[in-house]
Amino acid sequence: MSLSWLSMRWGRTVISISVGLLICFVSLGFSSRLNALYSTTMARMQNLESGIEVLEKRVVEMSAKMNVDSVRQYNIDKIVAIFAHNDDLSAREKYQIADEIY
């Protein structure tokens, strides 16, 4: 009787240890996969952030160019207004003269 009891106890111990090891290995595998997924996600986020920075820089540059062009157009319009009463010149000629002056 004592041998069967010892055998049952060892069997339970082996099964318990096996289940514990199985849980550890599955957890480690899941953890490593999760870490790899996190790393690739962070790399993608950094790429997106650098792309957004480039886009923001281009938008600021475009806005500055639009402001410069707006000021230029305003000044040309002021010069064209000086020629408003001159009927000898066409609108195109007035604009060309204003563009040349500016």
N, C-alpha and C. Protein backbone atom coordinates (compact mmCIF):
# COMPACT_ATOMS: atom_id res chain seq x y z
N MET A 1 0.80 -1.19 0.00
CA MET A 1 0.00 0.00 0.00
C MET A 1 0.85 1.27 0.00
N SER A 2 1.93 1.26 0.69
CA SER A 2 2.73 2.46 0.81
C SER A 2 3.37 2.85 -0.51
N LEU A 3 3.68 1.90 -1.35
CA LEU A 3 4.26 2.22 -2.65
C LEU A 3 3.26 2.89 -3.58
N SER A 4 2.02 2.44 -3.58
CA SER A 4 1.02 3.06 -4.44
C SER A 4 0.72 4.48 -3.98
N TRP A 5 0.74 4.69 -2.68
CA TRP A 5 0.52 6.04 -2.17
C TRP A 5 1.66 6.96 -2.58
N LEU A 6 2.87 6.47 -2.50
CA LEU A 6 4.03 7.24 -2.90
C LEU A 6 4.00 7.51 -4.40
N SER A 7 3.57 6.51 -5.16
CA SER A 7 3.47 6.65 -6.61
C SER A 7 2.43 7.71 -6.97
N MET A 8 1.29 7.73 -6.29
CA MET A 8 0.26 8.71 -6.55
C MET A 8 0.74 10.11 -6.19
N ARG A 9 1.47 10.22 -5.12
CA ARG A 9 1.97 11.52 -4.68
C ARG A 9 2.98 12.06 -5.69
N TRP A 10 3.88 11.21 -6.17
CA TRP A 10 4.86 11.62 -7.18
C TRP A 10 4.15 11.99 -8.47
N GLY A 11 3.13 11.26 -8.83
CA GLY A 11 2.37 11.56 -10.04
C GLY A 11 1.73 12.93 -9.97
N ARG A 12 1.13 13.24 -8.84
CA ARG A 12 0.51 14.55 -8.67
C ARG A 12 1.56 15.66 -8.69
N THR A 13 2.69 15.41 -8.09
CA THR A 13 3.76 16.39 -8.06
C THR A 13 4.29 16.65 -9.47
N VAL A 14 4.50 15.58 -10.21
CA VAL A 14 5.00 15.72 -11.59
C VAL A 14 3.98 16.46 -12.44
N ILE A 15 2.72 16.13 -12.30
CA ILE A 15 1.68 16.82 -13.07
C ILE A 15 1.62 18.29 -12.66
N SER A 16 1.70 18.58 -11.37
CA SER A 16 1.65 19.97 -10.90
C SER A 16 2.83 20.77 -11.44
N ILE A 17 4.02 20.18 -11.38
CA ILE A 17 5.21 20.86 -11.90
C ILE A 17 5.10 21.04 -13.40
N SER A 18 4.60 20.04 -14.11
CA SER A 18 4.44 20.14 -15.56
C SER A 18 3.46 21.25 -15.93
N VAL A 19 2.36 21.31 -15.23
CA VAL A 19 1.38 22.36 -15.50
C VAL A 19 1.99 23.73 -15.19
N GLY A 20 2.73 23.83 -14.09
CA GLY A 20 3.39 25.09 -13.74
C GLY A 20 4.40 25.51 -14.80
N LEU A 21 5.22 24.57 -15.27
CA LEU A 21 6.18 24.86 -16.33
C LEU A 21 5.49 25.25 -17.63
N LEU A 22 4.41 24.57 -17.96
CA LEU A 22 3.66 24.88 -19.17
C LEU A 22 3.12 26.31 -19.11
N ILE A 23 2.59 26.68 -17.97
CA ILE A 23 2.07 28.05 -17.79
C ILE A 23 3.20 29.07 -17.92
N CYS A 24 4.37 28.76 -17.34
CA CYS A 24 5.52 29.67 -17.44
C CYS A 24 5.97 29.83 -18.88
N PHE A 25 6.09 28.73 -19.62
CA PHE A 25 6.54 28.80 -21.01
C PHE A 25 5.54 29.56 -21.89
N VAL A 26 4.26 29.32 -21.68
CA VAL A 26 3.25 30.03 -22.45
C VAL A 26 3.29 31.51 -22.11
N SER A 27 3.46 31.83 -20.85
CA SER A 27 3.54 33.24 -20.44
C SER A 27 4.77 33.91 -21.03
N LEU A 28 5.91 33.23 -21.03
CA LEU A 28 7.12 33.80 -21.61
C LEU A 28 6.97 34.01 -23.12
N GLY A 29 6.37 33.05 -23.79
CA GLY A 29 6.14 33.19 -25.23
C GLY A 29 5.21 34.36 -25.52
N PHE A 30 4.16 34.46 -24.76
CA PHE A 30 3.21 35.56 -24.95
C PHE A 30 3.88 36.89 -24.65
N SER A 31 4.68 36.91 -23.58
CA SER A 31 5.37 38.15 -23.21
C SER A 31 6.36 38.57 -24.29
N SER A 32 7.10 37.63 -24.85
CA SER A 32 8.07 37.99 -25.88
C SER A 32 7.36 38.45 -27.15
N ARG A 33 6.25 37.83 -27.49
CA ARG A 33 5.47 38.25 -28.67
C ARG A 33 4.89 39.64 -28.43
N LEU A 34 4.42 39.89 -27.24
CA LEU A 34 3.87 41.20 -26.90
C LEU A 34 4.95 42.27 -26.96
N ASN A 35 6.15 41.93 -26.49
CA ASN A 35 7.26 42.87 -26.54
C ASN A 35 7.65 43.18 -27.99
N ALA A 36 7.69 42.17 -28.84
CA ALA A 36 8.01 42.39 -30.26
C ALA A 36 6.95 43.26 -30.92
N LEU A 37 5.69 43.00 -30.62
CA LEU A 37 4.60 43.80 -31.16
C LEU A 37 4.70 45.25 -30.69
N TYR A 38 5.03 45.44 -29.42
CA TYR A 38 5.21 46.79 -28.87
C TYR A 38 6.36 47.51 -29.57
N SER A 39 7.47 46.81 -29.79
CA SER A 39 8.63 47.43 -30.45
C SER A 39 8.30 47.86 -31.87
N THR A 40 7.63 47.01 -32.63
CA THR A 40 7.27 47.39 -34.00
C THR A 40 6.27 48.53 -34.01
N THR A 41 5.35 48.53 -33.06
CA THR A 41 4.36 49.61 -32.99
C THR A 41 5.05 50.94 -32.65
N MET A 42 6.00 50.91 -31.73
CA MET A 42 6.70 52.13 -31.37
C MET A 42 7.54 52.64 -32.54
N ALA A 43 8.15 51.73 -33.31
CA ALA A 43 8.92 52.15 -34.48
C ALA A 43 8.01 52.82 -35.50
N ARG A 44 6.84 52.25 -35.71
CA ARG A 44 5.88 52.85 -36.64
C ARG A 44 5.42 54.22 -36.15
N MET A 45 5.21 54.34 -34.85
CA MET A 45 4.79 55.63 -34.28
C MET A 45 5.87 56.69 -34.50
N GLN A 46 7.13 56.31 -34.33
CA GLN A 46 8.22 57.27 -34.54
C GLN A 46 8.28 57.68 -36.00
N ASN A 47 8.06 56.73 -36.92
CA ASN A 47 8.04 57.08 -38.33
C ASN A 47 6.89 58.04 -38.64
N LEU A 48 5.74 57.78 -38.06
CA LEU A 48 4.59 58.66 -38.28
C LEU A 48 4.86 60.05 -37.70
N GLU A 49 5.46 60.10 -36.52
CA GLU A 49 5.75 61.39 -35.91
C GLU A 49 6.74 62.18 -36.74
N SER A 50 7.76 61.52 -37.29
CA SER A 50 8.72 62.25 -38.12
C SER A 50 8.05 62.71 -39.41
N GLY A 51 7.14 61.91 -39.95
CA GLY A 51 6.39 62.32 -41.13
C GLY A 51 5.49 63.51 -40.84
N ILE A 52 4.90 63.52 -39.68
CA ILE A 52 4.03 64.63 -39.29
C ILE A 52 4.86 65.89 -39.11
N GLU A 53 6.06 65.75 -38.55
CA GLU A 53 6.93 66.92 -38.38
C GLU A 53 7.30 67.53 -39.73
N VAL A 54 7.60 66.69 -40.70
CA VAL A 54 7.94 67.17 -42.04
C VAL A 54 6.73 67.87 -42.65
N LEU A 55 5.56 67.27 -42.49
CA LEU A 55 4.33 67.86 -43.02
C LEU A 55 4.05 69.22 -42.36
N GLU A 56 4.22 69.30 -41.05
CA GLU A 56 4.01 70.58 -40.36
C GLU A 56 4.98 71.64 -40.87
N LYS A 57 6.23 71.25 -41.09
CA LYS A 57 7.22 72.20 -41.59
C LYS A 57 6.82 72.71 -42.97
N ARG A 58 6.34 71.81 -43.82
CA ARG A 58 5.93 72.21 -45.17
C ARG A 58 4.70 73.13 -45.13
N VAL A 59 3.79 72.86 -44.21
CA VAL A 59 2.60 73.72 -44.09
C VAL A 59 3.02 75.12 -43.64
N VAL A 60 3.95 75.21 -42.70
CA VAL A 60 4.43 76.51 -42.24
C VAL A 60 5.12 77.26 -43.39
N GLU A 61 5.95 76.54 -44.16
CA GLU A 61 6.62 77.17 -45.30
C GLU A 61 5.60 77.67 -46.32
N MET A 62 4.59 76.86 -46.60
CA MET A 62 3.56 77.25 -47.57
C MET A 62 2.79 78.46 -47.07
N SER A 63 2.50 78.49 -45.78
CA SER A 63 1.79 79.63 -45.20
C SER A 63 2.63 80.91 -45.33
N ALA A 64 3.92 80.79 -45.08
CA ALA A 64 4.80 81.96 -45.21
C ALA A 64 4.85 82.44 -46.66
N LYS A 65 4.91 81.51 -47.60
CA LYS A 65 4.91 81.89 -49.01
C LYS A 65 3.60 82.56 -49.40
N MET A 66 2.49 82.05 -48.88
CA MET A 66 1.20 82.66 -49.18
C MET A 66 1.13 84.07 -48.61
N ASN A 67 1.68 84.27 -47.42
CA ASN A 67 1.67 85.61 -46.82
C ASN A 67 2.49 86.58 -47.66
N VAL A 68 3.65 86.13 -48.11
CA VAL A 68 4.50 86.99 -48.95
C VAL A 68 3.77 87.33 -50.25
N ASP A 69 3.15 86.33 -50.86
CA ASP A 69 2.44 86.56 -52.11
C ASP A 69 1.23 87.48 -51.88
N SER A 70 0.58 87.34 -50.75
CA SER A 70 -0.56 88.19 -50.43
C SER A 70 -0.13 89.65 -50.29
N VAL A 71 0.99 89.88 -49.63
CA VAL A 71 1.51 91.25 -49.49
C VAL A 71 1.90 91.78 -50.86
N ARG A 72 2.54 90.95 -51.66
CA ARG A 72 2.93 91.35 -53.02
C ARG A 72 1.70 91.75 -53.84
N GLN A 73 0.67 90.91 -53.78
CA GLN A 73 -0.54 91.19 -54.55
C GLN A 73 -1.22 92.47 -54.06
N TYR A 74 -1.22 92.68 -52.74
CA TYR A 74 -1.80 93.90 -52.18
C TYR A 74 -1.08 95.14 -52.71
N ASN A 75 0.24 95.09 -52.74
CA ASN A 75 1.03 96.23 -53.23
C ASN A 75 0.82 96.46 -54.72
N ILE A 76 0.73 95.38 -55.48
CA ILE A 76 0.46 95.52 -56.92
C ILE A 76 -0.91 96.14 -57.13
N ASP A 77 -1.90 95.72 -56.36
CA ASP A 77 -3.25 96.29 -56.48
C ASP A 77 -3.25 97.79 -56.14
N LYS A 78 -2.45 98.19 -55.17
CA LYS A 78 -2.34 99.61 -54.84
C LYS A 78 -1.77 100.39 -56.03
N ILE A 79 -0.76 99.83 -56.67
CA ILE A 79 -0.15 100.51 -57.83
C ILE A 79 -1.14 100.55 -58.99
N VAL A 80 -1.86 99.47 -59.22
CA VAL A 80 -2.86 99.43 -60.30
C VAL A 80 -3.94 100.48 -60.03
N ALA A 81 -4.28 100.70 -58.76
CA ALA A 81 -5.31 101.69 -58.42
C ALA A 81 -4.87 103.10 -58.82
N ILE A 82 -3.57 103.33 -58.82
CA ILE A 82 -3.06 104.64 -59.25
C ILE A 82 -3.41 104.88 -60.71
N PHE A 83 -3.38 103.83 -61.52
CA PHE A 83 -3.68 103.94 -62.95
C PHE A 83 -5.18 103.82 -63.25
N ALA A 84 -6.01 103.85 -62.25
CA ALA A 84 -7.45 103.59 -62.44
C ALA A 84 -8.10 104.57 -63.42
N HIS A 85 -7.67 105.79 -63.42
CA HIS A 85 -8.30 106.80 -64.29
C HIS A 85 -7.62 106.92 -65.66
N ASN A 86 -6.59 106.15 -65.88
CA ASN A 86 -5.90 106.17 -67.16
C ASN A 86 -6.60 105.19 -68.10
N ASP A 87 -7.39 105.71 -69.03
CA ASP A 87 -8.14 104.85 -69.94
C ASP A 87 -7.31 104.42 -71.15
N ASP A 88 -6.14 104.98 -71.33
CA ASP A 88 -5.28 104.62 -72.46
C ASP A 88 -4.66 103.23 -72.28
N LEU A 89 -4.53 102.78 -71.03
CA LEU A 89 -3.90 101.48 -70.75
C LEU A 89 -4.96 100.42 -70.50
N SER A 90 -4.71 99.20 -71.00
CA SER A 90 -5.62 98.08 -70.71
C SER A 90 -5.32 97.57 -69.29
N ALA A 91 -6.21 96.78 -68.79
CA ALA A 91 -6.02 96.22 -67.45
C ALA A 91 -4.75 95.38 -67.39
N ARG A 92 -4.48 94.66 -68.46
CA ARG A 92 -3.28 93.83 -68.50
C ARG A 92 -2.02 94.70 -68.46
N GLU A 93 -2.01 95.78 -69.22
CA GLU A 93 -0.85 96.68 -69.23
C GLU A 93 -0.65 97.33 -67.86
N LYS A 94 -1.76 97.70 -67.22
CA LYS A 94 -1.67 98.29 -65.88
C LYS A 94 -1.05 97.28 -64.91
N TYR A 95 -1.48 96.04 -65.00
CA TYR A 95 -0.94 95.00 -64.11
C TYR A 95 0.53 94.76 -64.39
N GLN A 96 0.92 94.73 -65.66
CA GLN A 96 2.32 94.51 -66.01
C GLN A 96 3.21 95.65 -65.50
N ILE A 97 2.74 96.87 -65.61
CA ILE A 97 3.50 98.02 -65.10
C ILE A 97 3.62 97.91 -63.57
N ALA A 98 2.52 97.60 -62.91
CA ALA A 98 2.53 97.47 -61.44
C ALA A 98 3.45 96.35 -61.01
N ASP A 99 3.43 95.24 -61.74
CA ASP A 99 4.31 94.11 -61.42
C ASP A 99 5.77 94.51 -61.59
N GLU A 100 6.07 95.28 -62.63
CA GLU A 100 7.43 95.72 -62.89
C GLU A 100 7.90 96.69 -61.80
N ILE A 101 7.01 97.57 -61.36
CA ILE A 101 7.36 98.53 -60.31
C ILE A 101 7.62 97.80 -59.00
N TYR A 102 6.77 96.86 -58.70
CA TYR A 102 6.92 96.15 -57.42
C TYR A 102 8.13 95.24 -57.49
